[in-house]
Amino acid sequence: MPVNPITYDGGTLLDVNRHELSYQFDFVVETELTEDDTRQQDDLNALDEFKTLSIDVDFIDPGQGPDGEIEHHIEINLPT
């Protein structure tokens, strides 16, 4: 008989009221993927250290709404 990579392992009744029932299904897996197994983690690891937060503000009020003009700019240097 073949081994399933994902197997149902029971469940838990979380909540019951007059309108709904919440039930949690539990599963076990043969292999669990973590962030280290994804391409996103490789991309994050390749980024430089986060040193500066830059914020541009286009005021909506007072005025004619967002007009594409940056009325305020701030840079916050983060401690390293």
PDB file of N, CA and C in Angstrom:
ATOM      1  N   MET A   1       0.844  -1.173   0.000  1.00  0.00           N
ATOM      2  CA  MET A   1       0.000   0.000   0.000  1.00  0.00           C
ATOM      3  C   MET A   1       0.894   1.243   0.000  1.00  0.00           C
ATOM      4  N   PRO A   2       0.631   2.235  -0.907  1.00  0.00           N
ATOM      5  CA  PRO A   2       1.482   3.425  -0.978  1.00  0.00           C
ATOM      6  C   PRO A   2       1.299   4.319   0.245  1.00  0.00           C
ATOM      7  N   VAL A   3       2.370   5.022   0.583  1.00  0.00           N
ATOM      8  CA  VAL A   3       2.344   5.959   1.706  1.00  0.00           C
ATOM      9  C   VAL A   3       1.890   7.318   1.186  1.00  0.00           C
ATOM     10  N   ASN A   4       0.916   7.922   1.847  1.00  0.00           N
ATOM     11  CA  ASN A   4       0.434   9.244   1.457  1.00  0.00           C
ATOM     12  C   ASN A   4       1.323  10.317   2.072  1.00  0.00           C
ATOM     13  N   PRO A   5       1.728  11.324   1.287  1.00  0.00           N
ATOM     14  CA  PRO A   5       2.560  12.390   1.840  1.00  0.00           C
ATOM     15  C   PRO A   5       1.794  13.279   2.830  1.00  0.00           C
ATOM     16  N   ILE A   6       0.457  13.315   2.709  1.00  0.00           N
ATOM     17  CA  ILE A   6      -0.383  14.072   3.644  1.00  0.00           C
ATOM     18  C   ILE A   6      -1.443  13.121   4.182  1.00  0.00           C
ATOM     19  N   THR A   7      -1.537  13.014   5.512  1.00  0.00           N
ATOM     20  CA  THR A   7      -2.466  12.075   6.136  1.00  0.00           C
ATOM     21  C   THR A   7      -3.338  12.798   7.152  1.00  0.00           C
ATOM     22  N   TYR A   8      -4.646  12.542   7.069  1.00  0.00           N
ATOM     23  CA  TYR A   8      -5.593  13.102   8.037  1.00  0.00           C
ATOM     24  C   TYR A   8      -5.287  12.535   9.413  1.00  0.00           C
ATOM     25  N   ASP A   9      -5.252  13.415  10.429  1.00  0.00           N
ATOM     26  CA  ASP A   9      -4.870  12.987  11.774  1.00  0.00           C
ATOM     27  C   ASP A   9      -5.913  13.397  12.817  1.00  0.00           C
ATOM     28  N   GLY A  10      -7.156  13.526  12.406  1.00  0.00           N
ATOM     29  CA  GLY A  10      -8.205  13.884  13.356  1.00  0.00           C
ATOM     30  C   GLY A  10      -8.569  15.343  13.263  1.00  0.00           C
ATOM     31  N   GLY A  11      -9.215  15.816  14.300  1.00  0.00           N
ATOM     32  CA  GLY A  11      -9.639  17.201  14.300  1.00  0.00           C
ATOM     33  C   GLY A  11     -10.155  17.614  15.654  1.00  0.00           C
ATOM     34  N   THR A  12     -10.518  18.895  15.732  1.00  0.00           N
ATOM     35  CA  THR A  12     -10.961  19.472  16.993  1.00  0.00           C
ATOM     36  C   THR A  12     -12.163  20.367  16.739  1.00  0.00           C
ATOM     37  N   LEU A  13     -13.193  20.212  17.537  1.00  0.00           N
ATOM     38  CA  LEU A  13     -14.330  21.114  17.490  1.00  0.00           C
ATOM     39  C   LEU A  13     -13.931  22.395  18.212  1.00  0.00           C
ATOM     40  N   LEU A  14     -13.892  23.508  17.486  1.00  0.00           N
ATOM     41  CA  LEU A  14     -13.426  24.768  18.059  1.00  0.00           C
ATOM     42  C   LEU A  14     -14.546  25.590  18.677  1.00  0.00           C
ATOM     43  N   ASP A  15     -15.705  25.637  17.997  1.00  0.00           N
ATOM     44  CA  ASP A  15     -16.777  26.493  18.487  1.00  0.00           C
ATOM     45  C   ASP A  15     -18.090  26.065  17.849  1.00  0.00           C
ATOM     46  N   VAL A  16     -19.169  26.188  18.606  1.00  0.00           N
ATOM     47  CA  VAL A  16     -20.512  25.920  18.093  1.00  0.00           C
ATOM     48  C   VAL A  16     -21.435  26.991  18.645  1.00  0.00           C
ATOM     49  N   ASN A  17     -22.242  27.577  17.761  1.00  0.00           N
ATOM     50  CA  ASN A  17     -23.310  28.454  18.219  1.00  0.00           C
ATOM     51  C   ASN A  17     -24.523  28.209  17.330  1.00  0.00           C
ATOM     52  N   ARG A  18     -25.540  29.018  17.444  1.00  0.00           N
ATOM     53  CA  ARG A  18     -26.777  28.777  16.694  1.00  0.00           C
ATOM     54  C   ARG A  18     -26.596  28.921  15.191  1.00  0.00           C
ATOM     55  N   HIS A  19     -25.533  29.607  14.762  1.00  0.00           N
ATOM     56  CA  HIS A  19     -25.390  29.931  13.348  1.00  0.00           C
ATOM     57  C   HIS A  19     -24.237  29.231  12.651  1.00  0.00           C
ATOM     58  N   GLU A  20     -23.265  28.772  13.407  1.00  0.00           N
ATOM     59  CA  GLU A  20     -22.099  28.187  12.748  1.00  0.00           C
ATOM     60  C   GLU A  20     -21.387  27.188  13.647  1.00  0.00           C
ATOM     61  N   LEU A  21     -20.617  26.365  12.993  1.00  0.00           N
ATOM     62  CA  LEU A  21     -19.781  25.384  13.677  1.00  0.00           C
ATOM     63  C   LEU A  21     -18.374  25.555  13.122  1.00  0.00           C
ATOM     64  N   SER A  22     -17.381  25.671  13.990  1.00  0.00           N
ATOM     65  CA  SER A  22     -15.985  25.792  13.558  1.00  0.00           C
ATOM     66  C   SER A  22     -15.247  24.524  13.961  1.00  0.00           C
ATOM     67  N   TYR A  23     -14.622  23.897  12.971  1.00  0.00           N
ATOM     68  CA  TYR A  23     -13.932  22.629  13.192  1.00  0.00           C
ATOM     69  C   TYR A  23     -12.547  22.726  12.579  1.00  0.00           C
ATOM     70  N   GLN A  24     -11.543  22.280  13.287  1.00  0.00           N
ATOM     71  CA  GLN A  24     -10.167  22.308  12.793  1.00  0.00           C
ATOM     72  C   GLN A  24      -9.760  20.904  12.381  1.00  0.00           C
ATOM     73  N   PHE A  25      -9.395  20.742  11.116  1.00  0.00           N
ATOM     74  CA  PHE A  25      -8.885  19.474  10.619  1.00  0.00           C
ATOM     75  C   PHE A  25      -7.386  19.425  10.850  1.00  0.00           C
ATOM     76  N   ASP A  26      -6.872  18.320  11.331  1.00  0.00           N
ATOM     77  CA  ASP A  26      -5.439  18.158  11.572  1.00  0.00           C
ATOM     78  C   ASP A  26      -4.862  17.148  10.592  1.00  0.00           C
ATOM     79  N   PHE A  27      -3.690  17.464  10.065  1.00  0.00           N
ATOM     80  CA  PHE A  27      -3.004  16.600   9.119  1.00  0.00           C
ATOM     81  C   PHE A  27      -1.547  16.463   9.536  1.00  0.00           C
ATOM     82  N   VAL A  28      -0.936  15.366   9.156  1.00  0.00           N
ATOM     83  CA  VAL A  28       0.504  15.197   9.314  1.00  0.00           C
ATOM     84  C   VAL A  28       1.089  15.066   7.916  1.00  0.00           C
ATOM     85  N   VAL A  29       2.314  15.543   7.770  1.00  0.00           N
ATOM     86  CA  VAL A  29       2.964  15.516   6.464  1.00  0.00           C
ATOM     87  C   VAL A  29       4.288  14.780   6.557  1.00  0.00           C
ATOM     88  N   GLU A  30       4.654  14.189   5.444  1.00  0.00           N
ATOM     89  CA  GLU A  30       5.923  13.465   5.372  1.00  0.00           C
ATOM     90  C   GLU A  30       7.096  14.442   5.384  1.00  0.00           C
ATOM     91  N   THR A  31       6.961  15.523   4.624  1.00  0.00           N
ATOM     92  CA  THR A  31       8.002  16.547   4.531  1.00  0.00           C
ATOM     93  C   THR A  31       7.351  17.909   4.699  1.00  0.00           C
ATOM     94  N   GLU A  32       7.883  18.725   5.586  1.00  0.00           N
ATOM     95  CA  GLU A  32       7.341  20.054   5.798  1.00  0.00           C
ATOM     96  C   GLU A  32       8.261  21.082   5.160  1.00  0.00           C
ATOM     97  N   LEU A  33       7.672  21.976   4.353  1.00  0.00           N
ATOM     98  CA  LEU A  33       8.442  23.040   3.722  1.00  0.00           C
ATOM     99  C   LEU A  33       8.543  24.217   4.684  1.00  0.00           C
ATOM    100  N   THR A  34       9.715  24.808   4.771  1.00  0.00           N
ATOM    101  CA  THR A  34       9.925  25.995   5.593  1.00  0.00           C
ATOM    102  C   THR A  34      10.324  27.153   4.688  1.00  0.00           C
ATOM    103  N   GLU A  35      10.500  28.325   5.269  1.00  0.00           N
ATOM    104  CA  GLU A  35      10.906  29.491   4.489  1.00  0.00           C
ATOM    105  C   GLU A  35      12.237  29.248   3.781  1.00  0.00           C
ATOM    106  N   ASP A  36      13.104  28.462   4.392  1.00  0.00           N
ATOM    107  CA  ASP A  36      14.413  28.197   3.795  1.00  0.00           C
ATOM    108  C   ASP A  36      14.308  27.391   2.508  1.00  0.00           C
ATOM    109  N   ASP A  37      13.174  26.737   2.277  1.00  0.00           N
ATOM    110  CA  ASP A  37      12.977  25.930   1.077  1.00  0.00           C
ATOM    111  C   ASP A  37      12.375  26.722  -0.076  1.00  0.00           C
ATOM    112  N   THR A  38      12.130  28.003   0.106  1.00  0.00           N
ATOM    113  CA  THR A  38      11.451  28.793  -0.919  1.00  0.00           C
ATOM    114  C   THR A  38      12.411  29.751  -1.607  1.00  0.00           C
ATOM    115  N   ARG A  39      12.025  30.183  -2.788  1.00  0.00           N
ATOM    116  CA  ARG A  39      12.825  31.172  -3.507  1.00  0.00           C
ATOM    117  C   ARG A  39      12.743  32.525  -2.800  1.00  0.00           C
ATOM    118  N   GLN A  40      11.603  32.821  -2.190  1.00  0.00           N
ATOM    119  CA  GLN A  40      11.451  34.097  -1.503  1.00  0.00           C
ATOM    120  C   GLN A  40      12.527  34.268  -0.439  1.00  0.00           C
ATOM    121  N   GLN A  41      12.846  33.216   0.286  1.00  0.00           N
ATOM    122  CA  GLN A  41      13.876  33.326   1.318  1.00  0.00           C
ATOM    123  C   GLN A  41      15.234  33.636   0.695  1.00  0.00           C
ATOM    124  N   ASP A  42      15.529  33.050  -0.470  1.00  0.00           N
ATOM    125  CA  ASP A  42      16.777  33.371  -1.169  1.00  0.00           C
ATOM    126  C   ASP A  42      16.810  34.847  -1.557  1.00  0.00           C
ATOM    127  N   ASP A  43      15.672  35.356  -2.057  1.00  0.00           N
ATOM    128  CA  ASP A  43      15.598  36.774  -2.427  1.00  0.00           C
ATOM    129  C   ASP A  43      15.783  37.668  -1.204  1.00  0.00           C
ATOM    130  N   LEU A  44      15.160  37.312  -0.086  1.00  0.00           N
ATOM    131  CA  LEU A  44      15.304  38.107   1.135  1.00  0.00           C
ATOM    132  C   LEU A  44      16.737  38.076   1.649  1.00  0.00           C
ATOM    133  N   ASN A  45      17.373  36.924   1.568  1.00  0.00           N
ATOM    134  CA  ASN A  45      18.760  36.809   2.024  1.00  0.00           C
ATOM    135  C   ASN A  45      19.710  37.643   1.169  1.00  0.00           C
ATOM    136  N   ALA A  46      19.349  37.878  -0.106  1.00  0.00           N
ATOM    137  CA  ALA A  46      20.207  38.635  -1.014  1.00  0.00           C
ATOM    138  C   ALA A  46      20.073  40.152  -0.821  1.00  0.00           C
ATOM    139  N   LEU A  47      19.056  40.599  -0.094  1.00  0.00           N
ATOM    140  CA  LEU A  47      18.862  42.035   0.121  1.00  0.00           C
ATOM    141  C   LEU A  47      19.922  42.595   1.059  1.00  0.00           C
ATOM    142  N   ASP A  48      20.267  43.873   0.832  1.00  0.00           N
ATOM    143  CA  ASP A  48      21.143  44.572   1.762  1.00  0.00           C
ATOM    144  C   ASP A  48      20.399  44.788   3.077  1.00  0.00           C
ATOM    145  N   GLU A  49      21.149  45.113   4.118  1.00  0.00           N
ATOM    146  CA  GLU A  49      20.540  45.397   5.414  1.00  0.00           C
ATOM    147  C   GLU A  49      19.626  46.615   5.292  1.00  0.00           C
ATOM    148  N   PHE A  50      18.464  46.558   5.946  1.00  0.00           N
ATOM    149  CA  PHE A  50      17.488  47.647   5.914  1.00  0.00           C
ATOM    150  C   PHE A  50      17.995  48.771   6.809  1.00  0.00           C
ATOM    151  N   LYS A  51      18.467  49.873   6.189  1.00  0.00           N
ATOM    152  CA  LYS A  51      19.101  50.955   6.943  1.00  0.00           C
ATOM    153  C   LYS A  51      18.275  52.233   6.975  1.00  0.00           C
ATOM    154  N   THR A  52      17.534  52.515   5.891  1.00  0.00           N
ATOM    155  CA  THR A  52      16.827  53.787   5.782  1.00  0.00           C
ATOM    156  C   THR A  52      15.410  53.569   5.266  1.00  0.00           C
ATOM    157  N   LEU A  53      14.449  54.197   5.945  1.00  0.00           N
ATOM    158  CA  LEU A  53      13.056  54.191   5.511  1.00  0.00           C
ATOM    159  C   LEU A  53      12.766  55.550   4.897  1.00  0.00           C
ATOM    160  N   SER A  54      12.367  55.575   3.627  1.00  0.00           N
ATOM    161  CA  SER A  54      12.040  56.826   2.940  1.00  0.00           C
ATOM    162  C   SER A  54      10.534  56.885   2.713  1.00  0.00           C
ATOM    163  N   ILE A  55       9.919  58.013   3.071  1.00  0.00           N
ATOM    164  CA  ILE A  55       8.476  58.180   2.927  1.00  0.00           C
ATOM    165  C   ILE A  55       8.213  59.452   2.139  1.00  0.00           C
ATOM    166  N   ASP A  56       7.443  59.329   1.049  1.00  0.00           N
ATOM    167  CA  ASP A  56       6.977  60.477   0.280  1.00  0.00           C
ATOM    168  C   ASP A  56       5.481  60.624   0.522  1.00  0.00           C
ATOM    169  N   VAL A  57       5.026  61.872   0.771  1.00  0.00           N
ATOM    170  CA  VAL A  57       3.616  62.128   1.062  1.00  0.00           C
ATOM    171  C   VAL A  57       3.048  63.066   0.012  1.00  0.00           C
ATOM    172  N   ASP A  58       1.935  62.646  -0.607  1.00  0.00           N
ATOM    173  CA  ASP A  58       1.176  63.471  -1.543  1.00  0.00           C
ATOM    174  C   ASP A  58      -0.132  63.820  -0.833  1.00  0.00           C
ATOM    175  N   PHE A  59      -0.234  65.067  -0.341  1.00  0.00           N
ATOM    176  CA  PHE A  59      -1.398  65.465   0.454  1.00  0.00           C
ATOM    177  C   PHE A  59      -2.685  65.385  -0.359  1.00  0.00           C
ATOM    178  N   ILE A  60      -3.746  64.887   0.273  1.00  0.00           N
ATOM    179  CA  ILE A  60      -5.063  64.817  -0.345  1.00  0.00           C
ATOM    180  C   ILE A  60      -5.919  65.986   0.124  1.00  0.00           C
ATOM    181  N   ASP A  61      -5.844  66.301   1.413  1.00  0.00           N
ATOM    182  CA  ASP A  61      -6.686  67.347   1.972  1.00  0.00           C
ATOM    183  C   ASP A  61      -5.836  68.194   2.907  1.00  0.00           C
ATOM    184  N   PRO A  62      -5.744  69.492   2.828  1.00  0.00           N
ATOM    185  CA  PRO A  62      -6.473  70.326   1.884  1.00  0.00           C
ATOM    186  C   PRO A  62      -5.856  70.255   0.489  1.00  0.00           C
ATOM    187  N   GLY A  63      -6.663  70.481  -0.491  1.00  0.00           N
ATOM    188  CA  GLY A  63      -6.180  70.454  -1.862  1.00  0.00           C
ATOM    189  C   GLY A  63      -7.168  69.763  -2.770  1.00  0.00           C
ATOM    190  N   GLN A  64      -6.685  69.393  -3.927  1.00  0.00           N
ATOM    191  CA  GLN A  64      -7.534  68.792  -4.950  1.00  0.00           C
ATOM    192  C   GLN A  64      -7.345  67.282  -5.036  1.00  0.00           C
ATOM    193  N   GLY A  65      -6.994  66.670  -3.933  1.00  0.00           N
ATOM    194  CA  GLY A  65      -6.776  65.222  -3.966  1.00  0.00           C
ATOM    195  C   GLY A  65      -5.357  64.916  -4.378  1.00  0.00           C
ATOM    196  N   PRO A  66      -5.013  63.649  -4.528  1.00  0.00           N
ATOM    197  CA  PRO A  66      -3.645  63.316  -4.927  1.00  0.00           C
ATOM    198  C   PRO A  66      -3.356  63.863  -6.324  1.00  0.00           C
ATOM    199  N   ASP A  67      -2.307  64.679  -6.415  1.00  0.00           N
ATOM    200  CA  ASP A  67      -1.967  65.302  -7.696  1.00  0.00           C
ATOM    201  C   ASP A  67      -0.623  64.839  -8.239  1.00  0.00           C
ATOM    202  N   GLY A  68       0.015  63.906  -7.550  1.00  0.00           N
ATOM    203  CA  GLY A  68       1.303  63.416  -8.017  1.00  0.00           C
ATOM    204  C   GLY A  68       2.479  64.247  -7.549  1.00  0.00           C
ATOM    205  N   GLU A  69       2.194  65.368  -6.884  1.00  0.00           N
ATOM    206  CA  GLU A  69       3.255  66.220  -6.360  1.00  0.00           C
ATOM    207  C   GLU A  69       3.575  65.789  -4.930  1.00  0.00           C
ATOM    208  N   ILE A  70       4.853  65.588  -4.642  1.00  0.00           N
ATOM    209  CA  ILE A  70       5.279  65.201  -3.301  1.00  0.00           C
ATOM    210  C   ILE A  70       5.433  66.466  -2.464  1.00  0.00           C
ATOM    211  N   GLU A  71       4.541  66.626  -1.471  1.00  0.00           N
ATOM    212  CA  GLU A  71       4.592  67.804  -0.611  1.00  0.00           C
ATOM    213  C   GLU A  71       5.476  67.597   0.615  1.00  0.00           C
ATOM    214  N   HIS A  72       5.729  66.366   0.969  1.00  0.00           N
ATOM    215  CA  HIS A  72       6.548  66.108   2.151  1.00  0.00           C
ATOM    216  C   HIS A  72       7.366  64.843   1.923  1.00  0.00           C
ATOM    217  N   HIS A  73       8.633  64.887   2.367  1.00  0.00           N
ATOM    218  CA  HIS A  73       9.527  63.733   2.268  1.00  0.00           C
ATOM    219  C   HIS A  73      10.275  63.604   3.588  1.00  0.00           C
ATOM    220  N   ILE A  74      10.379  62.383   4.071  1.00  0.00           N
ATOM    221  CA  ILE A  74      11.140  62.142   5.292  1.00  0.00           C
ATOM    222  C   ILE A  74      11.957  60.869   5.110  1.00  0.00           C
ATOM    223  N   GLU A  75      13.141  60.877   5.678  1.00  0.00           N
ATOM    224  CA  GLU A  75      13.986  59.684   5.705  1.00  0.00           C
ATOM    225  C   GLU A  75      14.320  59.374   7.151  1.00  0.00           C
ATOM    226  N   ILE A  76      14.102  58.137   7.535  1.00  0.00           N
ATOM    227  CA  ILE A  76      14.374  57.692   8.897  1.00  0.00           C
ATOM    228  C   ILE A  76      15.516  56.689   8.832  1.00  0.00           C
ATOM    229  N   ASN A  77      16.634  57.042   9.457  1.00  0.00           N
ATOM    230  CA  ASN A  77      17.781  56.139   9.505  1.00  0.00           C
ATOM    231  C   ASN A  77      17.613  55.197  10.688  1.00  0.00           C
ATOM    232  N   LEU A  78      17.650  53.917  10.417  1.00  0.00           N
ATOM    233  CA  LEU A  78      17.447  52.908  11.447  1.00  0.00           C
ATOM    234  C   LEU A  78      18.774  52.523  12.082  1.00  0.00           C
ATOM    235  N   PRO A  79      18.757  52.230  13.372  1.00  0.00           N
ATOM    236  CA  PRO A  79      20.007  51.804  14.017  1.00  0.00           C
ATOM    237  C   PRO A  79      20.459  50.456  13.465  1.00  0.00           C
ATOM    238  N   THR A  80      21.757  50.294  13.357  1.00  0.00           N
ATOM    239  CA  THR A  80      22.282  49.024  12.833  1.00  0.00           C
ATOM    240  C   THR A  80      22.971  48.244  13.923  1.00  0.00           C
TER     241      THR A  80
END
